[in-house]
Amino acid sequence: MMSAGELESGNAGEPAKLIRQRYREAADIIKKGKMCCLFINDLDAGAGRLGGTTQYTVNNQMVNATLMNIADNPTNVQLP
């Protein structure tokens, strides 16, 4: 489990990299025959909400793109 607060970073790309790393760790556990899932707690609260509108930053866009890529290609998650 990870918190959406872990996805806050001043460095572009760091939150997306963290998601990929955690996903790969979960995949390694599954390859060993154990059950595992990646749960991001309070993602809706930590995804750049500011007042009544959503603030789209580079990191928010990269997090969304990373999650969509994992959903579309779950067996091909690349780490830089």
PDB file of N, CA and C in Angstrom:
ATOM      1  N   MET A   1       0.856  -1.170   0.000  1.00  0.00           N
ATOM      2  CA  MET A   1       0.000   0.000   0.000  1.00  0.00           C
ATOM      3  C   MET A   1       0.901   1.230   0.000  1.00  0.00           C
ATOM      4  N   MET A   2       0.486   2.205  -0.736  1.00  0.00           N
ATOM      5  CA  MET A   2       1.197   3.473  -0.727  1.00  0.00           C
ATOM      6  C   MET A   2       0.184   4.596  -0.575  1.00  0.00           C
ATOM      7  N   SER A   3       0.624   5.703  -0.070  1.00  0.00           N
ATOM      8  CA  SER A   3      -0.233   6.864   0.132  1.00  0.00           C
ATOM      9  C   SER A   3      -0.057   7.832  -1.024  1.00  0.00           C
ATOM     10  N   ALA A   4      -1.126   8.532  -1.354  1.00  0.00           N
ATOM     11  CA  ALA A   4      -1.036   9.549  -2.405  1.00  0.00           C
ATOM     12  C   ALA A   4      -0.041  10.635  -2.015  1.00  0.00           C
ATOM     13  N   GLY A   5       0.176  10.828  -0.721  1.00  0.00           N
ATOM     14  CA  GLY A   5       1.155  11.805  -0.263  1.00  0.00           C
ATOM     15  C   GLY A   5       2.565  11.479  -0.740  1.00  0.00           C
ATOM     16  N   GLU A   6       2.849  10.191  -0.980  1.00  0.00           N
ATOM     17  CA  GLU A   6       4.156   9.789  -1.493  1.00  0.00           C
ATOM     18  C   GLU A   6       4.355  10.253  -2.932  1.00  0.00           C
ATOM     19  N   LEU A   7       3.257  10.609  -3.604  1.00  0.00           N
ATOM     20  CA  LEU A   7       3.327  11.002  -5.006  1.00  0.00           C
ATOM     21  C   LEU A   7       3.577  12.488  -5.187  1.00  0.00           C
ATOM     22  N   GLU A   8       3.736  13.212  -4.084  1.00  0.00           N
ATOM     23  CA  GLU A   8       4.027  14.637  -4.176  1.00  0.00           C
ATOM     24  C   GLU A   8       5.538  14.818  -4.263  1.00  0.00           C
ATOM     25  N   SER A   9       5.981  15.462  -5.318  1.00  0.00           N
ATOM     26  CA  SER A   9       7.412  15.663  -5.510  1.00  0.00           C
ATOM     27  C   SER A   9       7.638  16.895  -6.359  1.00  0.00           C
ATOM     28  N   GLY A  10       8.703  17.589  -6.075  1.00  0.00           N
ATOM     29  CA  GLY A  10       9.073  18.739  -6.887  1.00  0.00           C
ATOM     30  C   GLY A  10       9.837  18.343  -8.137  1.00  0.00           C
ATOM     31  N   ASN A  11      10.232  17.082  -8.206  1.00  0.00           N
ATOM     32  CA  ASN A  11      10.996  16.591  -9.356  1.00  0.00           C
ATOM     33  C   ASN A  11      10.067  15.936 -10.369  1.00  0.00           C
ATOM     34  N   ALA A  12      10.092  16.414 -11.580  1.00  0.00           N
ATOM     35  CA  ALA A  12       9.242  15.859 -12.634  1.00  0.00           C
ATOM     36  C   ALA A  12       9.583  14.394 -12.865  1.00  0.00           C
ATOM     37  N   GLY A  13       8.566  13.568 -12.873  1.00  0.00           N
ATOM     38  CA  GLY A  13       8.739  12.152 -13.162  1.00  0.00           C
ATOM     39  C   GLY A  13       8.941  11.257 -11.963  1.00  0.00           C
ATOM     40  N   GLU A  14       9.286  11.803 -10.810  1.00  0.00           N
ATOM     41  CA  GLU A  14       9.543  10.977  -9.631  1.00  0.00           C
ATOM     42  C   GLU A  14       8.307  10.189  -9.180  1.00  0.00           C
ATOM     43  N   PRO A  15       7.115  10.803  -9.092  1.00  0.00           N
ATOM     44  CA  PRO A  15       5.948  10.027  -8.672  1.00  0.00           C
ATOM     45  C   PRO A  15       5.631   8.870  -9.622  1.00  0.00           C
ATOM     46  N   ALA A  16       5.732   9.093 -10.916  1.00  0.00           N
ATOM     47  CA  ALA A  16       5.468   8.024 -11.885  1.00  0.00           C
ATOM     48  C   ALA A  16       6.502   6.907 -11.739  1.00  0.00           C
ATOM     49  N   LYS A  17       7.745   7.276 -11.503  1.00  0.00           N
ATOM     50  CA  LYS A  17       8.806   6.286 -11.305  1.00  0.00           C
ATOM     51  C   LYS A  17       8.520   5.451 -10.060  1.00  0.00           C
ATOM     52  N   LEU A  18       8.057   6.088  -8.992  1.00  0.00           N
ATOM     53  CA  LEU A  18       7.735   5.380  -7.761  1.00  0.00           C
ATOM     54  C   LEU A  18       6.606   4.376  -7.994  1.00  0.00           C
ATOM     55  N   ILE A  19       5.588   4.771  -8.750  1.00  0.00           N
ATOM     56  CA  ILE A  19       4.488   3.849  -9.045  1.00  0.00           C
ATOM     57  C   ILE A  19       5.009   2.642  -9.818  1.00  0.00           C
ATOM     58  N   ARG A  20       5.845   2.865 -10.822  1.00  0.00           N
ATOM     59  CA  ARG A  20       6.397   1.749 -11.599  1.00  0.00           C
ATOM     60  C   ARG A  20       7.241   0.829 -10.721  1.00  0.00           C
ATOM     61  N   GLN A  21       8.035   1.409  -9.813  1.00  0.00           N
ATOM     62  CA  GLN A  21       8.860   0.593  -8.924  1.00  0.00           C
ATOM     63  C   GLN A  21       7.988  -0.270  -8.018  1.00  0.00           C
ATOM     64  N   ARG A  22       6.964   0.336  -7.426  1.00  0.00           N
ATOM     65  CA  ARG A  22       6.076  -0.420  -6.539  1.00  0.00           C
ATOM     66  C   ARG A  22       5.326  -1.507  -7.305  1.00  0.00           C
ATOM     67  N   TYR A  23       4.918  -1.204  -8.538  1.00  0.00           N
ATOM     68  CA  TYR A  23       4.224  -2.186  -9.359  1.00  0.00           C
ATOM     69  C   TYR A  23       5.149  -3.366  -9.660  1.00  0.00           C
ATOM     70  N   ARG A  24       6.396  -3.080  -9.994  1.00  0.00           N
ATOM     71  CA  ARG A  24       7.356  -4.156 -10.271  1.00  0.00           C
ATOM     72  C   ARG A  24       7.609  -4.997  -9.027  1.00  0.00           C
ATOM     73  N   GLU A  25       7.663  -4.354  -7.846  1.00  0.00           N
ATOM     74  CA  GLU A  25       7.829  -5.107  -6.600  1.00  0.00           C
ATOM     75  C   GLU A  25       6.649  -6.046  -6.386  1.00  0.00           C
ATOM     76  N   ALA A  26       5.434  -5.556  -6.635  1.00  0.00           N
ATOM     77  CA  ALA A  26       4.237  -6.394  -6.507  1.00  0.00           C
ATOM     78  C   ALA A  26       4.281  -7.538  -7.514  1.00  0.00           C
ATOM     79  N   ALA A  27       4.717  -7.261  -8.737  1.00  0.00           N
ATOM     80  CA  ALA A  27       4.812  -8.301  -9.765  1.00  0.00           C
ATOM     81  C   ALA A  27       5.813  -9.378  -9.362  1.00  0.00           C
ATOM     82  N   ASP A  28       6.917  -8.985  -8.747  1.00  0.00           N
ATOM     83  CA  ASP A  28       7.910  -9.959  -8.292  1.00  0.00           C
ATOM     84  C   ASP A  28       7.332 -10.869  -7.215  1.00  0.00           C
ATOM     85  N   ILE A  29       6.519 -10.321  -6.330  1.00  0.00           N
ATOM     86  CA  ILE A  29       5.869 -11.123  -5.291  1.00  0.00           C
ATOM     87  C   ILE A  29       4.917 -12.128  -5.933  1.00  0.00           C
ATOM     88  N   ILE A  30       4.164 -11.685  -6.933  1.00  0.00           N
ATOM     89  CA  ILE A  30       3.227 -12.572  -7.626  1.00  0.00           C
ATOM     90  C   ILE A  30       3.977 -13.690  -8.348  1.00  0.00           C
ATOM     91  N   LYS A  31       5.124 -13.375  -8.933  1.00  0.00           N
ATOM     92  CA  LYS A  31       5.918 -14.399  -9.625  1.00  0.00           C
ATOM     93  C   LYS A  31       6.392 -15.484  -8.668  1.00  0.00           C
ATOM     94  N   LYS A  32       6.480 -15.166  -7.382  1.00  0.00           N
ATOM     95  CA  LYS A  32       6.886 -16.146  -6.370  1.00  0.00           C
ATOM     96  C   LYS A  32       5.702 -16.971  -5.881  1.00  0.00           C
ATOM     97  N   GLY A  33       4.527 -16.763  -6.492  1.00  0.00           N
ATOM     98  CA  GLY A  33       3.350 -17.560  -6.153  1.00  0.00           C
ATOM     99  C   GLY A  33       2.501 -16.999  -5.033  1.00  0.00           C
ATOM    100  N   LYS A  34       2.768 -15.783  -4.623  1.00  0.00           N
ATOM    101  CA  LYS A  34       1.984 -15.162  -3.558  1.00  0.00           C
ATOM    102  C   LYS A  34       1.044 -14.132  -4.163  1.00  0.00           C
ATOM    103  N   MET A  35      -0.029 -13.845  -3.442  1.00  0.00           N
ATOM    104  CA  MET A  35      -0.978 -12.841  -3.917  1.00  0.00           C
ATOM    105  C   MET A  35      -0.512 -11.450  -3.492  1.00  0.00           C
ATOM    106  N   CYS A  36      -0.786 -10.475  -4.341  1.00  0.00           N
ATOM    107  CA  CYS A  36      -0.365  -9.110  -4.048  1.00  0.00           C
ATOM    108  C   CYS A  36      -1.171  -8.137  -4.892  1.00  0.00           C
ATOM    109  N   CYS A  37      -1.349  -6.938  -4.393  1.00  0.00           N
ATOM    110  CA  CYS A  37      -1.963  -5.872  -5.185  1.00  0.00           C
ATOM    111  C   CYS A  37      -1.321  -4.551  -4.774  1.00  0.00           C
ATOM    112  N   LEU A  38      -1.416  -3.586  -5.650  1.00  0.00           N
ATOM    113  CA  LEU A  38      -0.902  -2.248  -5.358  1.00  0.00           C
ATOM    114  C   LEU A  38      -2.096  -1.358  -5.088  1.00  0.00           C
ATOM    115  N   PHE A  39      -2.178  -0.830  -3.886  1.00  0.00           N
ATOM    116  CA  PHE A  39      -3.286   0.023  -3.475  1.00  0.00           C
ATOM    117  C   PHE A  39      -2.733   1.409  -3.193  1.00  0.00           C
ATOM    118  N   ILE A  40      -3.292   2.423  -3.838  1.00  0.00           N
ATOM    119  CA  ILE A  40      -2.861   3.803  -3.605  1.00  0.00           C
ATOM    120  C   ILE A  40      -3.957   4.489  -2.802  1.00  0.00           C
ATOM    121  N   ASN A  41      -3.693   4.690  -1.528  1.00  0.00           N
ATOM    122  CA  ASN A  41      -4.670   5.270  -0.615  1.00  0.00           C
ATOM    123  C   ASN A  41      -4.863   6.759  -0.887  1.00  0.00           C
ATOM    124  N   ASP A  42      -6.107   7.188  -0.943  1.00  0.00           N
ATOM    125  CA  ASP A  42      -6.476   8.602  -1.112  1.00  0.00           C
ATOM    126  C   ASP A  42      -5.917   9.217  -2.385  1.00  0.00           C
ATOM    127  N   LEU A  43      -5.890   8.455  -3.466  1.00  0.00           N
ATOM    128  CA  LEU A  43      -5.378   8.982  -4.730  1.00  0.00           C
ATOM    129  C   LEU A  43      -6.175  10.201  -5.173  1.00  0.00           C
ATOM    130  N   ASP A  44      -7.483  10.168  -4.955  1.00  0.00           N
ATOM    131  CA  ASP A  44      -8.318  11.304  -5.364  1.00  0.00           C
ATOM    132  C   ASP A  44      -7.955  12.570  -4.604  1.00  0.00           C
ATOM    133  N   ALA A  45      -7.533  12.430  -3.348  1.00  0.00           N
ATOM    134  CA  ALA A  45      -7.175  13.600  -2.545  1.00  0.00           C
ATOM    135  C   ALA A  45      -5.782  14.118  -2.887  1.00  0.00           C
ATOM    136  N   GLY A  46      -4.917  13.247  -3.374  1.00  0.00           N
ATOM    137  CA  GLY A  46      -3.545  13.656  -3.627  1.00  0.00           C
ATOM    138  C   GLY A  46      -3.234  13.892  -5.084  1.00  0.00           C
ATOM    139  N   ALA A  47      -4.252  13.926  -5.924  1.00  0.00           N
ATOM    140  CA  ALA A  47      -4.005  14.054  -7.363  1.00  0.00           C
ATOM    141  C   ALA A  47      -4.141  15.489  -7.841  1.00  0.00           C
ATOM    142  N   GLY A  48      -3.738  16.439  -7.028  1.00  0.00           N
ATOM    143  CA  GLY A  48      -3.662  17.825  -7.471  1.00  0.00           C
ATOM    144  C   GLY A  48      -4.937  18.625  -7.356  1.00  0.00           C
ATOM    145  N   ARG A  49      -5.782  18.288  -6.415  1.00  0.00           N
ATOM    146  CA  ARG A  49      -7.010  19.069  -6.255  1.00  0.00           C
ATOM    147  C   ARG A  49      -6.680  20.403  -5.583  1.00  0.00           C
ATOM    148  N   LEU A  50      -7.243  21.450  -6.113  1.00  0.00           N
ATOM    149  CA  LEU A  50      -7.018  22.788  -5.575  1.00  0.00           C
ATOM    150  C   LEU A  50      -8.339  23.523  -5.649  1.00  0.00           C
ATOM    151  N   GLY A  51      -8.999  23.671  -4.504  1.00  0.00           N
ATOM    152  CA  GLY A  51     -10.321  24.284  -4.505  1.00  0.00           C
ATOM    153  C   GLY A  51     -11.304  23.385  -5.222  1.00  0.00           C
ATOM    154  N   GLY A  52     -12.118  23.957  -6.112  1.00  0.00           N
ATOM    155  CA  GLY A  52     -13.091  23.176  -6.846  1.00  0.00           C
ATOM    156  C   GLY A  52     -12.584  22.671  -8.179  1.00  0.00           C
ATOM    157  N   THR A  53     -11.383  23.032  -8.547  1.00  0.00           N
ATOM    158  CA  THR A  53     -10.856  22.592  -9.839  1.00  0.00           C
ATOM    159  C   THR A  53      -9.643  21.704  -9.632  1.00  0.00           C
ATOM    160  N   THR A  54      -9.282  21.006 -10.665  1.00  0.00           N
ATOM    161  CA  THR A  54      -8.107  20.138 -10.596  1.00  0.00           C
ATOM    162  C   THR A  54      -6.927  20.835 -11.244  1.00  0.00           C
ATOM    163  N   GLN A  55      -5.841  20.893 -10.526  1.00  0.00           N
ATOM    164  CA  GLN A  55      -4.618  21.518 -11.033  1.00  0.00           C
ATOM    165  C   GLN A  55      -3.817  20.438 -11.760  1.00  0.00           C
ATOM    166  N   TYR A  56      -3.653  20.610 -13.070  1.00  0.00           N
ATOM    167  CA  TYR A  56      -2.900  19.627 -13.849  1.00  0.00           C
ATOM    168  C   TYR A  56      -1.437  20.038 -13.915  1.00  0.00           C
ATOM    169  N   THR A  57      -0.622  19.300 -13.250  1.00  0.00           N
ATOM    170  CA  THR A  57       0.817  19.553 -13.295  1.00  0.00           C
ATOM    171  C   THR A  57       1.474  18.453 -14.112  1.00  0.00           C
ATOM    172  N   VAL A  58       2.735  18.612 -14.375  1.00  0.00           N
ATOM    173  CA  VAL A  58       3.478  17.582 -15.104  1.00  0.00           C
ATOM    174  C   VAL A  58       3.398  16.259 -14.364  1.00  0.00           C
ATOM    175  N   ASN A  59       3.603  16.280 -13.045  1.00  0.00           N
ATOM    176  CA  ASN A  59       3.584  15.036 -12.287  1.00  0.00           C
ATOM    177  C   ASN A  59       2.213  14.377 -12.302  1.00  0.00           C
ATOM    178  N   ASN A  60       1.140  15.167 -12.181  1.00  0.00           N
ATOM    179  CA  ASN A  60      -0.199  14.578 -12.214  1.00  0.00           C
ATOM    180  C   ASN A  60      -0.457  13.914 -13.552  1.00  0.00           C
ATOM    181  N   GLN A  61      -0.058  14.567 -14.617  1.00  0.00           N
ATOM    182  CA  GLN A  61      -0.250  13.988 -15.945  1.00  0.00           C
ATOM    183  C   GLN A  61       0.576  12.718 -16.106  1.00  0.00           C
ATOM    184  N   MET A  62       1.788  12.718 -15.567  1.00  0.00           N
ATOM    185  CA  MET A  62       2.639  11.533 -15.673  1.00  0.00           C
ATOM    186  C   MET A  62       2.104  10.383 -14.828  1.00  0.00           C
ATOM    187  N   VAL A  63       1.567  10.689 -13.646  1.00  0.00           N
ATOM    188  CA  VAL A  63       0.966   9.651 -12.804  1.00  0.00           C
ATOM    189  C   VAL A  63      -0.220   9.032 -13.526  1.00  0.00           C
ATOM    190  N   ASN A  64      -1.093   9.870 -14.075  1.00  0.00           N
ATOM    191  CA  ASN A  64      -2.249   9.351 -14.806  1.00  0.00           C
ATOM    192  C   ASN A  64      -1.812   8.508 -15.997  1.00  0.00           C
ATOM    193  N   ALA A  65      -0.836   8.980 -16.742  1.00  0.00           N
ATOM    194  CA  ALA A  65      -0.349   8.234 -17.905  1.00  0.00           C
ATOM    195  C   ALA A  65       0.275   6.906 -17.488  1.00  0.00           C
ATOM    196  N   THR A  66       1.015   6.910 -16.386  1.00  0.00           N
ATOM    197  CA  THR A  66       1.635   5.676 -15.896  1.00  0.00           C
ATOM    198  C   THR A  66       0.582   4.662 -15.495  1.00  0.00           C
ATOM    199  N   LEU A  67      -0.441   5.110 -14.766  1.00  0.00           N
ATOM    200  CA  LEU A  67      -1.504   4.195 -14.350  1.00  0.00           C
ATOM    201  C   LEU A  67      -2.258   3.642 -15.560  1.00  0.00           C
ATOM    202  N   MET A  68      -2.512   4.476 -16.555  1.00  0.00           N
ATOM    203  CA  MET A  68      -3.190   3.997 -17.764  1.00  0.00           C
ATOM    204  C   MET A  68      -2.305   3.018 -18.527  1.00  0.00           C
ATOM    205  N   ASN A  69      -1.006   3.288 -18.584  1.00  0.00           N
ATOM    206  CA  ASN A  69      -0.087   2.384 -19.267  1.00  0.00           C
ATOM    207  C   ASN A  69      -0.025   1.029 -18.573  1.00  0.00           C
ATOM    208  N   ILE A  70       0.000   1.029 -17.248  1.00  0.00           N
ATOM    209  CA  ILE A  70       0.002  -0.229 -16.501  1.00  0.00           C
ATOM    210  C   ILE A  70      -1.285  -1.002 -16.778  1.00  0.00           C
ATOM    211  N   ALA A  71      -2.415  -0.300 -16.819  1.00  0.00           N
ATOM    212  CA  ALA A  71      -3.691  -0.966 -17.101  1.00  0.00           C
ATOM    213  C   ALA A  71      -3.703  -1.561 -18.512  1.00  0.00           C
ATOM    214  N   ASP A  72      -3.126  -0.858 -19.467  1.00  0.00           N
ATOM    215  CA  ASP A  72      -3.119  -1.325 -20.858  1.00  0.00           C
ATOM    216  C   ASP A  72      -2.054  -2.387 -21.123  1.00  0.00           C
ATOM    217  N   ASN A  73      -0.929  -2.303 -20.422  1.00  0.00           N
ATOM    218  CA  ASN A  73       0.213  -3.204 -20.666  1.00  0.00           C
ATOM    219  C   ASN A  73       0.759  -3.740 -19.344  1.00  0.00           C
ATOM    220  N   PRO A  74      -0.019  -4.538 -18.613  1.00  0.00           N
ATOM    221  CA  PRO A  74       0.408  -4.942 -17.269  1.00  0.00           C
ATOM    222  C   PRO A  74       1.658  -5.815 -17.220  1.00  0.00           C
ATOM    223  N   THR A  75       2.030  -6.444 -18.318  1.00  0.00           N
ATOM    224  CA  THR A  75       3.219  -7.303 -18.300  1.00  0.00           C
ATOM    225  C   THR A  75       4.447  -6.634 -18.898  1.00  0.00           C
ATOM    226  N   ASN A  76       4.332  -5.351 -19.241  1.00  0.00           N
ATOM    227  CA  ASN A  76       5.453  -4.644 -19.861  1.00  0.00           C
ATOM    228  C   ASN A  76       5.644  -3.279 -19.205  1.00  0.00           C
ATOM    229  N   VAL A  77       6.025  -3.280 -17.931  1.00  0.00           N
ATOM    230  CA  VAL A  77       6.262  -2.039 -17.198  1.00  0.00           C
ATOM    231  C   VAL A  77       7.764  -1.818 -17.122  1.00  0.00           C
ATOM    232  N   GLN A  78       8.233  -0.754 -17.749  1.00  0.00           N
ATOM    233  CA  GLN A  78       9.662  -0.472 -17.841  1.00  0.00           C
ATOM    234  C   GLN A  78      10.101   0.492 -16.744  1.00  0.00           C
ATOM    235  N   LEU A  79      11.272   0.232 -16.197  1.00  0.00           N
ATOM    236  CA  LEU A  79      11.889   1.148 -15.240  1.00  0.00           C
ATOM    237  C   LEU A  79      13.055   1.835 -15.925  1.00  0.00           C
ATOM    238  N   PRO A  80      13.201   3.147 -15.682  1.00  0.00           N
ATOM    239  CA  PRO A  80      14.320   3.864 -16.319  1.00  0.00           C
ATOM    240  C   PRO A  80      15.657   3.423 -15.766  1.00  0.00           C
TER     241      PRO A  80
END
